[in-house]
């Protein structure tokens, strides 16, 4: 019912709505209306109250509530079902629970803050409450486990496109899926799967974007490695607008990938990539390798020429361009 109260306030475009009118339209008591108004205020909505006038909505919080994300979202299934948390250990972990139960494809789990977010190689992902975008999407692509890295490369292109479109900031992709601005990380992507030997049962795509955080929000050990869209632009970014844009770009590229294969995605990925034909170090669970990046093959695997002249192929790992 709280959602219905909010919809009435929004539909009146900042005009006064009497409590009596709400009672009649919703079939509830004045006390119930007041309780829902109070709860909306606690959620961050700015609602003015005036005797004999009623209520009017004058401000919406820049929080990623499902009702706000879906409003104006131009997708068929990405983000049409959203589970929102104020704080959670990991959106990926919550999304995996939903995937096992067979939740609808495109279901999104969003958190205002992650207490236990993580990236590749088990590294921790830091977040500031209400300043970042942290979410996971449940997908059921018809692929085998070896094709899973293509999902993360697709996602990197989608986020880069959304950032440029929404924020007028050009981000470059560092293989396979980190987004950099001014040579600092602004977005990380983590893909996890449930799979059998020859087929993927589900994919959970986790994305974390540094949006409105500042240097004061980050631990000292990552200050020189991280940036945010606010730091780069000098002004705050609407997380809601960016969230919608990311979901729209993701759905568009996901459908291209499923219908046409990886080739058109890879062409776009190469156009955004900043880690080609340069010296680099690649860290994997099996060790660290240094050499010259020759590019990526048609499967999106990194080709690194080692000091002995041999070419080593990587389908996962963390690339450092600081040599």
Protein backbone atom coordinates (compact mmCIF):
# COMPACT_ATOMS: atom_id res chain seq x y z
CA UNK A 1 0.00 0.00 0.00
CA UNK A 2 2.95 2.33 0.58
CA UNK A 3 3.72 2.01 -3.12
CA UNK A 4 0.16 3.04 -4.03
CA UNK A 5 0.40 6.11 -1.77
CA UNK A 6 3.64 7.09 -3.49
CA UNK A 7 2.09 6.60 -6.94
CA UNK A 8 -0.77 8.96 -6.06
CA UNK A 9 1.67 11.61 -4.86
CA UNK A 10 3.75 11.27 -8.02
CA UNK A 11 0.75 11.36 -10.34
CA UNK A 12 -0.23 14.76 -8.94
CA UNK A 13 3.08 16.35 -9.95
CA UNK A 14 3.94 18.15 -6.68
CA UNK A 15 0.32 19.30 -6.20
CA UNK A 16 -1.47 18.91 -2.90
CA UNK A 17 -3.43 15.68 -2.34
CA UNK A 18 -5.86 15.61 0.55
CA UNK A 19 -5.83 12.79 3.06
CA UNK A 20 -9.54 12.33 2.42
CA UNK A 21 -8.92 11.82 -1.28
CA UNK A 22 -6.26 9.21 -0.57
CA UNK A 23 -8.56 7.40 1.85
CA UNK A 24 -11.32 7.25 -0.75
CA UNK A 25 -9.06 6.13 -3.60
CA UNK A 26 -7.23 3.47 -1.60
CA UNK A 27 -10.01 2.34 0.72
CA UNK A 28 -7.95 2.86 3.87
CA UNK A 29 -8.22 5.03 7.00
CA UNK A 30 -6.57 8.41 7.56
CA UNK A 31 -4.36 6.76 10.18
CA UNK A 32 -3.16 4.23 7.61
CA UNK A 33 -2.42 7.02 5.11
CA UNK A 34 -0.43 8.91 7.75
CA UNK A 35 1.61 5.78 8.59
CA UNK A 36 2.50 5.24 4.93
CA UNK A 37 3.46 8.91 4.57
CA UNK A 38 5.68 8.62 7.63
CA UNK A 39 7.35 5.49 6.24
CA UNK A 40 7.99 7.21 2.90
CA UNK A 41 9.62 10.12 4.73
CA UNK A 42 11.84 7.65 6.60
CA UNK A 43 12.82 6.21 3.21
CA UNK A 44 14.07 9.66 2.17
CA UNK A 45 11.12 11.04 0.21
CA UNK A 46 10.52 14.73 0.87
CA UNK A 47 6.81 15.15 1.53
CA UNK A 48 5.23 18.34 2.78
CA UNK A 49 2.23 18.16 5.10
CA UNK A 50 -0.28 20.98 5.55
CA UNK A 51 -3.53 21.02 7.55
CA UNK A 52 -6.61 21.19 5.27
CA UNK A 53 -4.29 20.86 2.25
CA UNK A 54 -2.99 17.33 2.71
CA UNK A 55 0.31 16.08 1.30
CA UNK A 56 2.58 16.80 -1.65
CA UNK A 57 5.79 15.20 -2.89
CA UNK A 58 8.60 17.71 -3.34
CA UNK A 59 11.71 15.50 -3.55
CA UNK A 60 12.79 11.96 -4.38
CA UNK A 61 15.93 10.43 -2.79
CA UNK A 62 18.79 9.32 -5.01
CA UNK A 63 18.45 5.81 -3.65
CA UNK A 64 18.00 2.77 -5.84
CA UNK A 65 14.51 1.81 -4.74
CA UNK A 66 12.78 -0.57 -7.20
CA UNK A 67 9.93 1.86 -7.86
CA UNK A 68 12.40 4.60 -8.81
CA UNK A 69 14.62 2.41 -11.00
CA UNK A 70 11.71 0.92 -12.93
CA UNK A 71 10.11 4.32 -13.56
CA UNK A 72 11.29 5.30 -17.03
CA UNK A 73 13.30 2.09 -17.50
CA UNK A 74 13.17 1.01 -21.15
CA UNK A 75 13.80 -2.74 -20.92
CA UNK A 76 11.76 -5.87 -21.51
CA UNK A 77 13.12 -7.95 -18.63
CA UNK A 78 16.41 -6.55 -17.27
CA UNK A 79 15.49 -4.86 -13.98
CA UNK A 80 11.75 -5.41 -14.30
CA UNK A 81 12.01 -7.40 -11.06
CA UNK A 82 14.27 -5.82 -8.42
CA UNK A 83 15.17 -6.85 -4.87
CA UNK A 84 16.57 -3.92 -2.90
CA UNK A 85 18.69 -3.97 0.27
CA UNK A 86 19.96 -1.11 2.37
CA UNK A 87 22.98 -3.27 3.22
CA UNK A 88 23.93 -6.83 2.33
CA UNK A 89 27.07 -8.93 2.46
CA UNK A 90 27.10 -9.54 -1.28
CA UNK A 91 24.53 -8.96 -4.02
CA UNK A 92 26.09 -11.86 -5.95
CA UNK A 93 25.44 -14.25 -3.06
CA UNK A 94 21.81 -13.15 -2.80
CA UNK A 95 21.38 -13.40 -6.58
CA UNK A 96 22.81 -16.94 -6.62
CA UNK A 97 20.18 -18.03 -4.08
CA UNK A 98 17.50 -16.65 -6.38
CA UNK A 99 19.04 -18.26 -9.46
CA UNK A 100 18.97 -21.69 -7.82
CA UNK A 101 15.24 -21.20 -7.26
CA UNK A 102 14.73 -20.27 -10.92
CA UNK A 103 13.84 -16.61 -10.56
CA UNK A 104 12.98 -14.74 -13.78
CA UNK A 105 15.86 -13.87 -16.11
CA UNK A 106 16.93 -10.26 -15.69
CA UNK A 107 16.09 -10.16 -11.99
CA UNK A 108 18.31 -7.61 -10.25
CA UNK A 109 19.59 -7.51 -6.67
CA UNK A 110 20.66 -4.00 -5.60
CA UNK A 111 22.28 -2.82 -2.37
CA UNK A 112 23.03 0.67 -1.11
CA UNK A 113 26.10 -0.85 0.54
CA UNK A 114 27.91 -4.19 0.51
CA UNK A 115 29.63 -5.35 3.66
CA UNK A 116 31.43 -8.24 1.98
CA UNK A 117 31.67 -7.30 -1.68
CA UNK A 118 34.50 -8.91 -3.59
CA UNK A 119 36.18 -8.88 -6.97
CA UNK A 120 38.44 -11.23 -8.90
CA UNK A 121 40.97 -13.37 -7.03
CA UNK A 122 38.92 -12.87 -3.84
CA UNK A 123 39.83 -9.20 -3.44
CA UNK A 124 37.50 -7.03 -1.38
CA UNK A 125 35.33 -4.40 -3.11
CA UNK A 126 34.92 -1.28 -0.96
CA UNK A 127 31.68 0.69 -1.01
CA UNK A 128 30.24 3.83 0.60
CA UNK A 129 26.57 3.80 1.59
CA UNK A 130 24.26 5.41 -0.93
CA UNK A 131 27.08 6.62 -3.16
CA UNK A 132 27.87 3.71 -5.46
CA UNK A 133 25.96 1.38 -7.76
CA UNK A 134 26.26 -2.25 -6.66
CA UNK A 135 24.01 -4.84 -8.19
CA UNK A 136 23.80 -8.35 -9.62
CA UNK A 137 21.71 -9.72 -12.49
CA UNK A 138 20.48 -13.30 -12.87
CA UNK A 139 20.83 -14.69 -16.40
CA UNK A 140 20.22 -18.02 -18.12
CA UNK A 141 22.27 -17.90 -21.35
CA UNK A 142 22.52 -20.97 -23.55
CA UNK A 143 26.31 -21.38 -23.29
CA UNK A 144 28.95 -23.82 -22.08
CA UNK A 145 31.23 -22.93 -19.12
CA UNK A 146 34.16 -21.95 -21.39
CA UNK A 147 32.08 -19.12 -22.85
CA UNK A 148 31.36 -17.51 -19.47
CA UNK A 149 34.10 -14.83 -19.74
CA UNK A 150 32.21 -13.38 -22.71
CA UNK A 151 29.50 -12.23 -20.29
CA UNK A 152 31.92 -10.06 -18.34
CA UNK A 153 33.34 -8.49 -21.51
CA UNK A 154 29.82 -7.77 -22.73
CA UNK A 155 29.04 -6.13 -19.39
CA UNK A 156 32.16 -3.97 -19.55
CA UNK A 157 31.08 -2.55 -22.90
CA UNK A 158 27.55 -1.94 -21.63
CA UNK A 159 28.75 -0.03 -18.56
CA UNK A 160 31.26 2.00 -20.58
CA UNK A 161 28.53 3.00 -23.03
CA UNK A 162 26.14 3.92 -20.22
CA UNK A 163 28.76 6.03 -18.42
CA UNK A 164 29.59 7.97 -21.57
CA UNK A 165 25.92 8.47 -22.44
CA UNK A 166 24.82 9.50 -18.94
CA UNK A 167 27.90 11.25 -17.54
CA UNK A 168 29.88 12.35 -20.63
CA UNK A 169 32.90 10.50 -19.20
CA UNK A 170 34.95 8.20 -21.44
CA UNK A 171 36.01 5.02 -19.65
CA UNK A 172 38.50 2.55 -21.09
CA UNK A 173 38.33 -1.21 -20.61
CA UNK A 174 41.31 -3.08 -19.19
CA UNK A 175 41.16 -6.79 -20.00
CA UNK A 176 38.94 -8.47 -19.29
CA UNK A 177 36.37 -6.18 -17.67
CA UNK A 178 37.80 -3.43 -15.43
CA UNK A 179 36.78 0.11 -16.39
CA UNK A 180 39.40 2.85 -16.02
CA UNK A 181 39.16 6.62 -16.06
CA UNK A 182 42.41 8.61 -15.80
CA UNK A 183 44.18 5.23 -15.43
CA UNK A 184 42.23 4.52 -12.23
CA UNK A 185 39.55 1.92 -11.62
CA UNK A 186 35.96 3.17 -11.65
CA UNK A 187 34.09 -0.12 -12.14
CA UNK A 188 34.64 -3.79 -11.42
CA UNK A 189 32.70 -6.79 -12.73
CA UNK A 190 32.48 -10.29 -11.27
CA UNK A 191 30.74 -13.19 -13.04
CA UNK A 192 29.84 -16.38 -11.17
CA UNK A 193 28.05 -19.42 -12.52
CA UNK A 194 26.20 -22.54 -11.59
CA UNK A 195 27.18 -25.19 -14.11
CA UNK A 196 27.43 -28.81 -15.09
CA UNK A 197 30.32 -30.20 -17.14
CA UNK A 198 28.91 -29.17 -20.52
CA UNK A 199 26.36 -26.45 -19.80
CA UNK A 200 25.78 -23.38 -17.67
CA UNK A 201 22.66 -23.51 -15.51
CA UNK A 202 22.77 -19.85 -14.52
CA UNK A 203 25.03 -16.80 -14.59
CA UNK A 204 25.17 -14.12 -11.90
CA UNK A 205 26.64 -10.89 -13.23
CA UNK A 206 27.87 -8.59 -10.47
CA UNK A 207 28.74 -4.95 -11.19
CA UNK A 208 30.16 -2.30 -8.87
CA UNK A 209 30.53 1.31 -10.06
CA UNK A 210 32.17 4.10 -8.06
CA UNK A 211 29.67 6.90 -8.66
CA UNK A 212 29.57 9.63 -6.00
CA UNK A 213 32.23 8.52 -3.53
CA UNK A 214 35.31 10.66 -2.90
CA UNK A 215 38.86 9.97 -1.76
CA UNK A 216 37.75 10.34 1.84
CA UNK A 217 35.51 7.28 1.41
CA UNK A 218 38.28 4.92 0.29
CA UNK A 219 40.88 3.03 2.32
CA UNK A 220 44.39 4.44 2.04
CA UNK A 221 45.66 1.35 0.21
CA UNK A 222 43.43 1.97 -2.83
CA UNK A 223 43.47 5.79 -3.02
CA UNK A 224 46.02 5.77 -5.84
CA UNK A 225 44.18 3.02 -7.74
CA UNK A 226 40.55 4.12 -7.55
CA UNK A 227 38.44 6.98 -8.82
CA UNK A 228 34.75 7.79 -9.11
CA UNK A 229 32.56 9.51 -11.67
CA UNK A 230 32.09 12.38 -9.24
CA UNK A 231 35.85 12.79 -8.84
CA UNK A 232 36.28 12.87 -12.62
CA UNK A 233 33.36 15.19 -13.40
CA UNK A 234 33.62 17.44 -10.36
CA UNK A 235 29.85 17.16 -9.82
CA UNK A 236 27.49 14.54 -8.43
CA UNK A 237 25.91 11.96 -10.74
CA UNK A 238 22.32 10.72 -10.62
CA UNK A 239 22.66 7.08 -9.68
CA UNK A 240 19.09 6.39 -10.81
CA UNK A 241 19.71 7.68 -14.33
CA UNK A 242 22.97 5.78 -14.60
CA UNK A 243 21.42 2.59 -13.23
CA UNK A 244 18.64 2.70 -15.81
CA UNK A 245 21.11 3.35 -18.62
CA UNK A 246 23.33 0.44 -17.56
CA UNK A 247 20.37 -1.96 -17.52
CA UNK A 248 19.22 -0.78 -20.94
CA UNK A 249 22.69 -1.19 -22.46
CA UNK A 250 23.10 -4.60 -20.84
CA UNK A 251 19.85 -5.91 -22.25
CA UNK A 252 20.58 -4.62 -25.73
CA UNK A 253 24.05 -6.19 -25.88
CA UNK A 254 22.89 -9.41 -24.18
CA UNK A 255 20.30 -9.92 -26.90
CA UNK A 256 22.86 -9.21 -29.64
CA UNK A 257 25.18 -11.77 -28.05
CA UNK A 258 22.49 -14.45 -27.77
CA UNK A 259 21.26 -13.90 -31.35
CA UNK A 260 24.50 -13.13 -33.23
CA UNK A 261 27.25 -14.60 -31.10
CA UNK A 262 30.33 -13.02 -29.56
CA UNK A 263 31.89 -11.44 -32.67
CA UNK A 264 29.87 -8.15 -32.64
CA UNK A 265 30.46 -7.80 -28.89
CA UNK A 266 34.19 -8.36 -29.29
CA UNK A 267 34.41 -5.68 -31.99
CA UNK A 268 32.92 -3.15 -29.59
CA UNK A 269 35.07 -4.38 -26.72
CA UNK A 270 38.25 -3.84 -28.76
CA UNK A 271 37.14 -0.28 -29.56
CA UNK A 272 36.92 0.51 -25.82
CA UNK A 273 39.98 -1.48 -24.71
CA UNK A 274 43.05 0.37 -23.35
CA UNK A 275 45.15 -2.71 -22.58
CA UNK A 276 46.38 -3.67 -26.04
CA UNK A 277 49.94 -3.73 -27.42
CA UNK A 278 51.65 -2.72 -24.18
CA UNK A 279 53.71 -4.22 -21.37
CA UNK A 280 51.72 -5.84 -18.58
CA UNK A 281 51.74 -8.28 -15.71
CA UNK A 282 48.99 -10.89 -15.43
CA UNK A 283 48.18 -12.37 -12.03
CA UNK A 284 46.33 -15.68 -11.88
CA UNK A 285 45.65 -18.28 -9.24
CA UNK A 286 48.60 -20.22 -10.71
CA UNK A 287 51.12 -17.37 -10.58
CA UNK A 288 52.21 -14.08 -12.13
CA UNK A 289 53.35 -13.56 -15.72
CA UNK A 290 54.99 -10.51 -17.32
CA UNK A 291 55.29 -9.70 -20.98
CA UNK A 292 53.85 -7.83 -23.95
CA UNK A 293 50.11 -7.89 -24.70
CA UNK A 294 49.59 -8.85 -28.33
CA UNK A 295 45.80 -8.46 -28.08
CA UNK A 296 42.94 -10.91 -27.62
CA UNK A 297 41.82 -13.82 -29.77
CA UNK A 298 38.32 -14.35 -31.15
CA UNK A 299 37.24 -15.96 -27.89
CA UNK A 300 38.28 -12.88 -25.89
CA UNK A 301 41.31 -14.61 -24.35
CA UNK A 302 44.37 -12.47 -23.63
CA UNK A 303 47.53 -13.15 -25.65
CA UNK A 304 50.71 -12.33 -23.74
CA UNK A 305 54.16 -12.67 -25.32
CA UNK A 306 56.65 -13.76 -22.66
CA UNK A 307 60.36 -12.88 -22.57
CA UNK A 308 61.26 -16.17 -24.31
CA UNK A 309 59.07 -15.22 -27.27
CA UNK A 310 56.31 -17.71 -26.52
CA UNK A 311 52.64 -16.66 -26.49
CA UNK A 312 50.69 -17.48 -23.34
CA UNK A 313 46.87 -17.49 -23.54
CA UNK A 314 44.74 -16.43 -20.56
CA UNK A 315 41.00 -16.82 -20.14
CA UNK A 316 41.02 -15.22 -16.67
CA UNK A 317 43.34 -13.17 -14.51
CA UNK A 318 44.07 -9.65 -13.30
CA UNK A 319 46.12 -7.35 -15.54
CA UNK A 320 48.42 -4.64 -14.18
CA UNK A 321 49.65 -2.02 -16.64
CA UNK A 322 51.96 -0.45 -14.03
CA UNK A 323 55.29 -2.15 -14.75
